[in-house]
Amino acid sequence: MSKFDRRNQAKQARITKHKEHLKETSVFSGRDGAPRNVAVLPLCADGDAQAAIQVFNESVDITPGADDKTNRVTVDRFKQKIQYIPLQRDLTACLDAARTADFVVVVLSATVEVDELGELILRSVESQGMSTMFTAVQGFENVKQA
């Protein structure tokens, strides 16, 4: 195989992979596209998933109405829809939500350590395979500076 043939073959493989990627993500694009699922897992006893979701929404200039109880928002800046899945500290619920979620946000506390249940949830979610994980810390305003 000549040098030209190898380059052509590599270029065709790149183009094919790019088309597959566009086809996979086309489900999320457009006005009626599916939302990205984000599971919010509190690992500490004082973790609050709803408060974390509110902070995430405020960071992208989304202010839901007072009667708005849905966790599905449209982020115009990124042209994406996001559906938050707020969870309590329940192992089975966390495992189910993390398995189906596109992104997992782990909520930690700045003042309280992760207890045994939090460690169990984190290890279990990691062992079943996790898509993309982010970490958020709550309660920095309660930390005293030295």
N, C-alpha and C. Protein backbone atom coordinates (compact mmCIF):
# COMPACT_ATOMS: atom_id res chain seq x y z
N MET A 1 0.84 -1.17 0.00
CA MET A 1 0.00 0.00 0.00
C MET A 1 0.89 1.25 0.00
N SER A 2 0.57 2.16 -0.88
CA SER A 2 1.40 3.35 -1.02
C SER A 2 1.07 4.37 0.07
N LYS A 3 1.91 5.39 0.14
CA LYS A 3 1.74 6.45 1.12
C LYS A 3 0.42 7.18 0.88
N PHE A 4 0.09 7.42 -0.36
CA PHE A 4 -1.16 8.10 -0.72
C PHE A 4 -2.36 7.27 -0.28
N ASP A 5 -2.31 5.95 -0.49
CA ASP A 5 -3.41 5.07 -0.10
C ASP A 5 -3.61 5.05 1.42
N ARG A 6 -2.51 5.05 2.17
CA ARG A 6 -2.62 5.06 3.63
C ARG A 6 -3.24 6.36 4.12
N ARG A 7 -2.82 7.48 3.54
CA ARG A 7 -3.39 8.77 3.93
C ARG A 7 -4.88 8.84 3.59
N ASN A 8 -5.23 8.33 2.42
CA ASN A 8 -6.62 8.34 1.99
C ASN A 8 -7.47 7.46 2.92
N GLN A 9 -6.93 6.32 3.30
CA GLN A 9 -7.65 5.41 4.19
C GLN A 9 -7.85 6.04 5.57
N ALA A 10 -6.83 6.71 6.08
CA ALA A 10 -6.94 7.38 7.37
C ALA A 10 -7.96 8.53 7.30
N LYS A 11 -7.96 9.26 6.20
CA LYS A 11 -8.90 10.36 6.03
C LYS A 11 -10.33 9.83 5.98
N GLN A 12 -10.54 8.74 5.27
CA GLN A 12 -11.88 8.15 5.19
C GLN A 12 -12.35 7.65 6.56
N ALA A 13 -11.44 7.08 7.35
CA ALA A 13 -11.80 6.62 8.69
C ALA A 13 -12.18 7.80 9.58
N ARG A 14 -11.44 8.92 9.47
CA ARG A 14 -11.76 10.13 10.23
C ARG A 14 -13.14 10.66 9.86
N ILE A 15 -13.43 10.72 8.58
CA ILE A 15 -14.71 11.23 8.11
C ILE A 15 -15.85 10.34 8.58
N THR A 16 -15.65 9.04 8.53
CA THR A 16 -16.68 8.10 8.98
C THR A 16 -16.94 8.25 10.48
N LYS A 17 -15.88 8.37 11.25
CA LYS A 17 -16.03 8.53 12.70
C LYS A 17 -16.74 9.84 13.03
N HIS A 18 -16.42 10.90 12.31
CA HIS A 18 -17.07 12.19 12.53
C HIS A 18 -18.56 12.10 12.21
N LYS A 19 -18.93 11.43 11.14
CA LYS A 19 -20.34 11.26 10.78
C LYS A 19 -21.08 10.45 11.84
N GLU A 20 -20.45 9.42 12.37
CA GLU A 20 -21.07 8.62 13.44
C GLU A 20 -21.30 9.46 14.68
N HIS A 21 -20.32 10.30 15.02
CA HIS A 21 -20.47 11.18 16.19
C HIS A 21 -21.62 12.16 16.00
N LEU A 22 -21.75 12.75 14.83
CA LEU A 22 -22.85 13.67 14.55
C LEU A 22 -24.19 12.96 14.62
N LYS A 23 -24.21 11.73 14.13
CA LYS A 23 -25.45 10.96 14.15
C LYS A 23 -25.86 10.63 15.58
N GLU A 24 -24.90 10.30 16.44
CA GLU A 24 -25.18 9.97 17.84
C GLU A 24 -25.71 11.18 18.61
N THR A 25 -25.13 12.34 18.36
CA THR A 25 -25.52 13.53 19.11
C THR A 25 -26.69 14.28 18.49
N SER A 26 -27.18 13.87 17.34
CA SER A 26 -28.29 14.58 16.71
C SER A 26 -29.58 14.44 17.50
N VAL A 27 -29.67 13.46 18.34
CA VAL A 27 -30.83 13.26 19.20
C VAL A 27 -31.00 14.43 20.16
N PHE A 28 -29.90 15.09 20.54
CA PHE A 28 -29.94 16.17 21.51
C PHE A 28 -30.07 17.54 20.86
N SER A 29 -29.99 17.63 19.55
CA SER A 29 -29.99 18.94 18.90
C SER A 29 -31.39 19.34 18.47
N GLY A 30 -31.56 20.60 18.25
CA GLY A 30 -32.83 21.13 17.77
C GLY A 30 -33.75 21.54 18.90
N ARG A 31 -34.82 22.20 18.50
CA ARG A 31 -35.79 22.72 19.48
C ARG A 31 -36.49 21.59 20.23
N ASP A 32 -36.75 20.50 19.57
CA ASP A 32 -37.46 19.38 20.19
C ASP A 32 -36.52 18.26 20.57
N GLY A 33 -35.24 18.57 20.73
CA GLY A 33 -34.25 17.54 21.07
C GLY A 33 -34.41 17.05 22.50
N ALA A 34 -33.88 15.88 22.74
CA ALA A 34 -33.94 15.29 24.08
C ALA A 34 -33.01 16.04 25.02
N PRO A 35 -33.38 16.15 26.28
CA PRO A 35 -32.49 16.84 27.23
C PRO A 35 -31.36 15.94 27.69
N ARG A 36 -30.28 16.55 28.11
CA ARG A 36 -29.18 15.81 28.73
C ARG A 36 -29.58 15.55 30.18
N ASN A 37 -29.45 14.31 30.63
CA ASN A 37 -29.82 13.95 32.00
C ASN A 37 -28.63 14.14 32.92
N VAL A 38 -28.85 14.86 34.03
CA VAL A 38 -27.81 15.14 35.01
C VAL A 38 -28.29 14.64 36.36
N ALA A 39 -27.65 13.61 36.89
CA ALA A 39 -27.99 13.09 38.21
C ALA A 39 -27.19 13.86 39.25
N VAL A 40 -27.86 14.36 40.28
CA VAL A 40 -27.21 15.13 41.34
C VAL A 40 -27.25 14.28 42.61
N LEU A 41 -26.06 13.78 43.04
CA LEU A 41 -25.94 12.87 44.18
C LEU A 41 -25.32 13.57 45.38
N PRO A 42 -26.05 13.77 46.46
CA PRO A 42 -25.43 14.31 47.68
C PRO A 42 -24.76 13.17 48.45
N LEU A 43 -23.49 13.33 48.77
CA LEU A 43 -22.76 12.28 49.49
C LEU A 43 -22.67 12.55 50.98
N CYS A 44 -22.91 13.77 51.41
CA CYS A 44 -22.82 14.12 52.84
C CYS A 44 -24.22 14.27 53.41
N ALA A 45 -24.30 14.18 54.72
CA ALA A 45 -25.60 14.25 55.39
C ALA A 45 -26.28 15.60 55.19
N ASP A 46 -25.51 16.68 55.05
CA ASP A 46 -26.12 17.99 54.88
C ASP A 46 -26.15 18.44 53.42
N GLY A 47 -25.92 17.53 52.49
CA GLY A 47 -25.96 17.86 51.07
C GLY A 47 -27.39 18.07 50.59
N ASP A 48 -27.60 19.06 49.77
CA ASP A 48 -28.93 19.38 49.26
C ASP A 48 -28.88 19.47 47.75
N ALA A 49 -29.50 18.49 47.09
CA ALA A 49 -29.46 18.43 45.63
C ALA A 49 -30.25 19.58 45.01
N GLN A 50 -31.39 19.93 45.58
CA GLN A 50 -32.20 21.02 45.03
C GLN A 50 -31.47 22.35 45.11
N ALA A 51 -30.75 22.60 46.21
CA ALA A 51 -29.99 23.85 46.33
C ALA A 51 -28.86 23.88 45.31
N ALA A 52 -28.23 22.74 45.07
CA ALA A 52 -27.16 22.67 44.06
C ALA A 52 -27.71 22.96 42.67
N ILE A 53 -28.88 22.41 42.36
CA ILE A 53 -29.50 22.65 41.05
C ILE A 53 -29.83 24.14 40.89
N GLN A 54 -30.30 24.76 41.96
CA GLN A 54 -30.61 26.19 41.90
C GLN A 54 -29.35 27.01 41.62
N VAL A 55 -28.23 26.65 42.25
CA VAL A 55 -26.98 27.37 42.02
C VAL A 55 -26.49 27.14 40.58
N PHE A 56 -26.63 25.91 40.07
CA PHE A 56 -26.24 25.63 38.68
C PHE A 56 -27.05 26.48 37.72
N ASN A 57 -28.36 26.58 37.95
CA ASN A 57 -29.21 27.37 37.07
C ASN A 57 -28.87 28.85 37.13
N GLU A 58 -28.59 29.35 38.33
CA GLU A 58 -28.22 30.76 38.47
C GLU A 58 -26.90 31.06 37.79
N SER A 59 -26.01 30.09 37.71
CA SER A 59 -24.71 30.32 37.09
C SER A 59 -24.81 30.52 35.58
N VAL A 60 -25.90 30.04 34.97
CA VAL A 60 -26.10 30.26 33.54
C VAL A 60 -27.30 31.18 33.29
N ASP A 61 -27.61 32.01 34.30
CA ASP A 61 -28.64 33.06 34.20
C ASP A 61 -30.03 32.50 33.92
N ILE A 62 -30.39 31.42 34.60
CA ILE A 62 -31.73 30.87 34.50
C ILE A 62 -32.41 31.07 35.84
N THR A 63 -33.54 31.74 35.83
CA THR A 63 -34.29 31.93 37.06
C THR A 63 -35.67 31.31 36.86
N PRO A 64 -35.88 30.09 37.38
CA PRO A 64 -37.19 29.47 37.24
C PRO A 64 -38.22 30.19 38.07
N GLY A 65 -39.48 30.13 37.65
CA GLY A 65 -40.55 30.80 38.38
C GLY A 65 -40.80 30.15 39.73
N ALA A 66 -41.57 30.82 40.56
CA ALA A 66 -41.85 30.31 41.91
C ALA A 66 -42.67 29.03 41.86
N ASP A 67 -43.53 28.89 40.84
CA ASP A 67 -44.37 27.70 40.75
C ASP A 67 -43.72 26.61 39.89
N ASP A 68 -42.54 26.85 39.39
CA ASP A 68 -41.87 25.90 38.51
C ASP A 68 -41.18 24.81 39.33
N LYS A 69 -41.78 23.62 39.34
CA LYS A 69 -41.22 22.51 40.10
C LYS A 69 -40.48 21.52 39.21
N THR A 70 -40.49 21.75 37.91
CA THR A 70 -39.80 20.84 37.01
C THR A 70 -38.29 21.08 37.07
N ASN A 71 -37.55 20.07 36.80
CA ASN A 71 -36.10 20.18 36.81
C ASN A 71 -35.53 20.17 35.40
N ARG A 72 -36.35 20.48 34.42
CA ARG A 72 -35.91 20.54 33.04
C ARG A 72 -35.77 22.00 32.64
N VAL A 73 -34.58 22.37 32.19
CA VAL A 73 -34.32 23.76 31.81
C VAL A 73 -33.67 23.79 30.43
N THR A 74 -33.82 24.91 29.78
CA THR A 74 -33.17 25.15 28.50
C THR A 74 -32.08 26.18 28.70
N VAL A 75 -30.86 25.82 28.33
CA VAL A 75 -29.73 26.72 28.46
C VAL A 75 -29.44 27.28 27.07
N ASP A 76 -29.87 28.52 26.85
CA ASP A 76 -29.73 29.14 25.53
C ASP A 76 -28.27 29.35 25.16
N ARG A 77 -27.45 29.64 26.16
CA ARG A 77 -26.04 29.91 25.90
C ARG A 77 -25.35 28.71 25.23
N PHE A 78 -25.71 27.50 25.66
CA PHE A 78 -25.09 26.29 25.11
C PHE A 78 -25.98 25.57 24.12
N LYS A 79 -27.17 26.11 23.87
CA LYS A 79 -28.15 25.51 22.96
C LYS A 79 -28.42 24.06 23.34
N GLN A 80 -28.65 23.85 24.63
CA GLN A 80 -28.90 22.51 25.17
C GLN A 80 -30.07 22.54 26.13
N LYS A 81 -30.70 21.40 26.28
CA LYS A 81 -31.70 21.23 27.32
C LYS A 81 -31.10 20.30 28.35
N ILE A 82 -31.38 20.60 29.62
CA ILE A 82 -30.85 19.79 30.71
C ILE A 82 -32.00 19.37 31.60
N GLN A 83 -32.01 18.11 31.97
CA GLN A 83 -32.98 17.62 32.94
C GLN A 83 -32.21 17.12 34.15
N TYR A 84 -32.40 17.83 35.27
CA TYR A 84 -31.74 17.45 36.51
C TYR A 84 -32.53 16.35 37.20
N ILE A 85 -31.82 15.41 37.79
CA ILE A 85 -32.43 14.35 38.59
C ILE A 85 -31.90 14.50 40.01
N PRO A 86 -32.63 15.24 40.87
CA PRO A 86 -32.17 15.40 42.26
C PRO A 86 -32.43 14.13 43.04
N LEU A 87 -31.45 13.68 43.79
CA LEU A 87 -31.56 12.42 44.52
C LEU A 87 -31.38 12.62 46.01
N GLN A 88 -31.95 11.72 46.76
CA GLN A 88 -31.72 11.65 48.19
C GLN A 88 -30.58 10.66 48.40
N ARG A 89 -30.19 10.47 49.64
CA ARG A 89 -29.09 9.54 49.95
C ARG A 89 -29.65 8.12 50.05
N ASP A 90 -30.06 7.57 48.91
CA ASP A 90 -30.59 6.23 48.82
C ASP A 90 -29.77 5.47 47.78
N LEU A 91 -29.23 4.33 48.17
CA LEU A 91 -28.29 3.61 47.31
C LEU A 91 -28.93 3.19 46.00
N THR A 92 -30.11 2.56 46.06
CA THR A 92 -30.72 2.06 44.82
C THR A 92 -31.13 3.18 43.88
N ALA A 93 -31.68 4.24 44.43
CA ALA A 93 -32.07 5.37 43.59
C ALA A 93 -30.84 6.00 42.93
N CYS A 94 -29.76 6.12 43.67
CA CYS A 94 -28.53 6.70 43.11
C CYS A 94 -27.95 5.81 42.02
N LEU A 95 -27.96 4.51 42.23
CA LEU A 95 -27.44 3.58 41.21
C LEU A 95 -28.26 3.65 39.94
N ASP A 96 -29.59 3.65 40.07
CA ASP A 96 -30.46 3.71 38.89
C ASP A 96 -30.29 5.01 38.13
N ALA A 97 -30.25 6.12 38.85
CA ALA A 97 -30.14 7.43 38.19
C ALA A 97 -28.77 7.60 37.53
N ALA A 98 -27.71 7.16 38.20
CA ALA A 98 -26.37 7.32 37.64
C ALA A 98 -26.18 6.46 36.40
N ARG A 99 -26.86 5.34 36.36
CA ARG A 99 -26.74 4.45 35.19
C ARG A 99 -27.37 5.08 33.95
N THR A 100 -28.46 5.79 34.13
CA THR A 100 -29.17 6.37 32.98
C THR A 100 -28.73 7.79 32.65
N ALA A 101 -27.98 8.42 33.54
CA ALA A 101 -27.62 9.83 33.36
C ALA A 101 -26.47 10.00 32.37
N ASP A 102 -26.48 11.14 31.68
CA ASP A 102 -25.38 11.51 30.81
C ASP A 102 -24.23 12.08 31.63
N PHE A 103 -24.58 12.81 32.70
CA PHE A 103 -23.59 13.41 33.59
C PHE A 103 -24.00 13.12 35.03
N VAL A 104 -23.01 12.96 35.91
CA VAL A 104 -23.26 12.76 37.33
C VAL A 104 -22.55 13.87 38.09
N VAL A 105 -23.29 14.59 38.94
CA VAL A 105 -22.72 15.63 39.77
C VAL A 105 -22.76 15.13 41.21
N VAL A 106 -21.59 15.03 41.83
CA VAL A 106 -21.48 14.60 43.22
C VAL A 106 -21.40 15.86 44.08
N VAL A 107 -22.31 15.98 45.04
CA VAL A 107 -22.37 17.16 45.91
C VAL A 107 -21.72 16.81 47.24
N LEU A 108 -20.67 17.54 47.59
CA LEU A 108 -19.95 17.37 48.86
C LEU A 108 -20.23 18.56 49.75
N SER A 109 -19.85 18.43 51.01
CA SER A 109 -20.02 19.52 51.97
C SER A 109 -18.65 20.06 52.36
N ALA A 110 -18.59 21.36 52.61
CA ALA A 110 -17.34 21.98 53.03
C ALA A 110 -17.10 21.78 54.52
N THR A 111 -18.13 21.41 55.28
CA THR A 111 -17.99 21.29 56.73
C THR A 111 -18.14 19.87 57.25
N VAL A 112 -18.86 19.01 56.55
CA VAL A 112 -19.13 17.66 57.02
C VAL A 112 -18.43 16.66 56.10
N GLU A 113 -17.79 15.67 56.71
CA GLU A 113 -17.10 14.64 55.93
C GLU A 113 -18.11 13.66 55.33
N VAL A 114 -17.66 12.96 54.30
CA VAL A 114 -18.48 11.92 53.69
C VAL A 114 -18.53 10.73 54.66
N ASP A 115 -19.74 10.29 54.97
CA ASP A 115 -19.88 9.17 55.91
C ASP A 115 -19.86 7.84 55.16
N GLU A 116 -20.15 6.75 55.88
CA GLU A 116 -20.09 5.41 55.28
C GLU A 116 -21.09 5.24 54.15
N LEU A 117 -22.30 5.77 54.32
CA LEU A 117 -23.31 5.67 53.27
C LEU A 117 -22.86 6.41 52.01
N GLY A 118 -22.29 7.59 52.19
CA GLY A 118 -21.78 8.35 51.04
C GLY A 118 -20.67 7.63 50.31
N GLU A 119 -19.77 7.02 51.06
CA GLU A 119 -18.70 6.23 50.44
C GLU A 119 -19.26 5.04 49.69
N LEU A 120 -20.25 4.36 50.30
CA LEU A 120 -20.87 3.21 49.65
C LEU A 120 -21.54 3.62 48.34
N ILE A 121 -22.24 4.74 48.36
CA ILE A 121 -22.90 5.23 47.15
C ILE A 121 -21.87 5.54 46.07
N LEU A 122 -20.80 6.24 46.44
CA LEU A 122 -19.78 6.62 45.46
C LEU A 122 -19.08 5.39 44.88
N ARG A 123 -18.70 4.46 45.73
CA ARG A 123 -18.01 3.25 45.23
C ARG A 123 -18.93 2.41 44.36
N SER A 124 -20.20 2.31 44.73
CA SER A 124 -21.14 1.52 43.95
C SER A 124 -21.39 2.13 42.58
N VAL A 125 -21.55 3.45 42.57
CA VAL A 125 -21.78 4.14 41.29
C VAL A 125 -20.55 4.01 40.39
N GLU A 126 -19.36 4.14 40.99
CA GLU A 126 -18.13 4.00 40.20
C GLU A 126 -17.98 2.58 39.66
N SER A 127 -18.34 1.59 40.46
CA SER A 127 -18.13 0.20 40.04
C SER A 127 -19.06 -0.21 38.91
N GLN A 128 -20.23 0.41 38.79
CA GLN A 128 -21.13 0.06 37.70
C GLN A 128 -20.81 0.83 36.42
N GLY A 129 -19.89 1.78 36.53
CA GLY A 129 -19.50 2.56 35.36
C GLY A 129 -20.26 3.87 35.34
N MET A 130 -19.53 4.93 35.16
CA MET A 130 -20.10 6.26 35.21
C MET A 130 -19.72 6.99 33.92
N SER A 131 -20.65 7.74 33.38
CA SER A 131 -20.33 8.47 32.16
C SER A 131 -19.36 9.60 32.45
N THR A 132 -19.83 10.74 32.82
CA THR A 132 -18.98 11.88 33.12
C THR A 132 -19.34 12.39 34.50
N MET A 133 -18.33 12.54 35.37
CA MET A 133 -18.60 12.95 36.74
C MET A 133 -18.01 14.33 37.02
N PHE A 134 -18.78 15.15 37.74
CA PHE A 134 -18.34 16.44 38.20
C PHE A 134 -18.54 16.49 39.71
N THR A 135 -17.82 17.36 40.38
CA THR A 135 -17.93 17.50 41.82
C THR A 135 -18.29 18.94 42.16
N ALA A 136 -19.24 19.09 43.09
CA ALA A 136 -19.64 20.41 43.58
C ALA A 136 -19.55 20.38 45.10
N VAL A 137 -19.13 21.50 45.68
CA VAL A 137 -19.00 21.61 47.13
C VAL A 137 -19.94 22.70 47.63
N GLN A 138 -20.74 22.36 48.64
CA GLN A 138 -21.67 23.32 49.23
C GLN A 138 -21.16 23.77 50.60
N GLY A 139 -21.55 24.94 51.01
CA GLY A 139 -21.30 25.41 52.36
C GLY A 139 -19.97 26.11 52.57
N PHE A 140 -19.41 26.71 51.54
CA PHE A 140 -18.16 27.44 51.72
C PHE A 140 -18.35 28.66 52.63
N GLU A 141 -19.56 29.20 52.67
CA GLU A 141 -19.79 30.37 53.51
C GLU A 141 -19.71 30.03 55.00
N ASN A 142 -19.81 28.75 55.36
CA ASN A 142 -19.75 28.33 56.76
C ASN A 142 -18.33 28.01 57.22
N VAL A 143 -17.37 28.03 56.31
CA VAL A 143 -16.00 27.69 56.65
C VAL A 143 -15.30 28.93 57.19
N LYS A 144 -14.65 28.78 58.35
CA LYS A 144 -13.92 29.90 58.94
C LYS A 144 -12.52 29.95 58.37
N GLN A 145 -12.08 31.13 58.01
CA GLN A 145 -10.73 31.29 57.47
C GLN A 145 -9.72 31.39 58.60
N ALA A 146 -8.55 30.82 58.37
CA ALA A 146 -7.51 30.84 59.40
C ALA A 146 -6.71 32.11 59.36
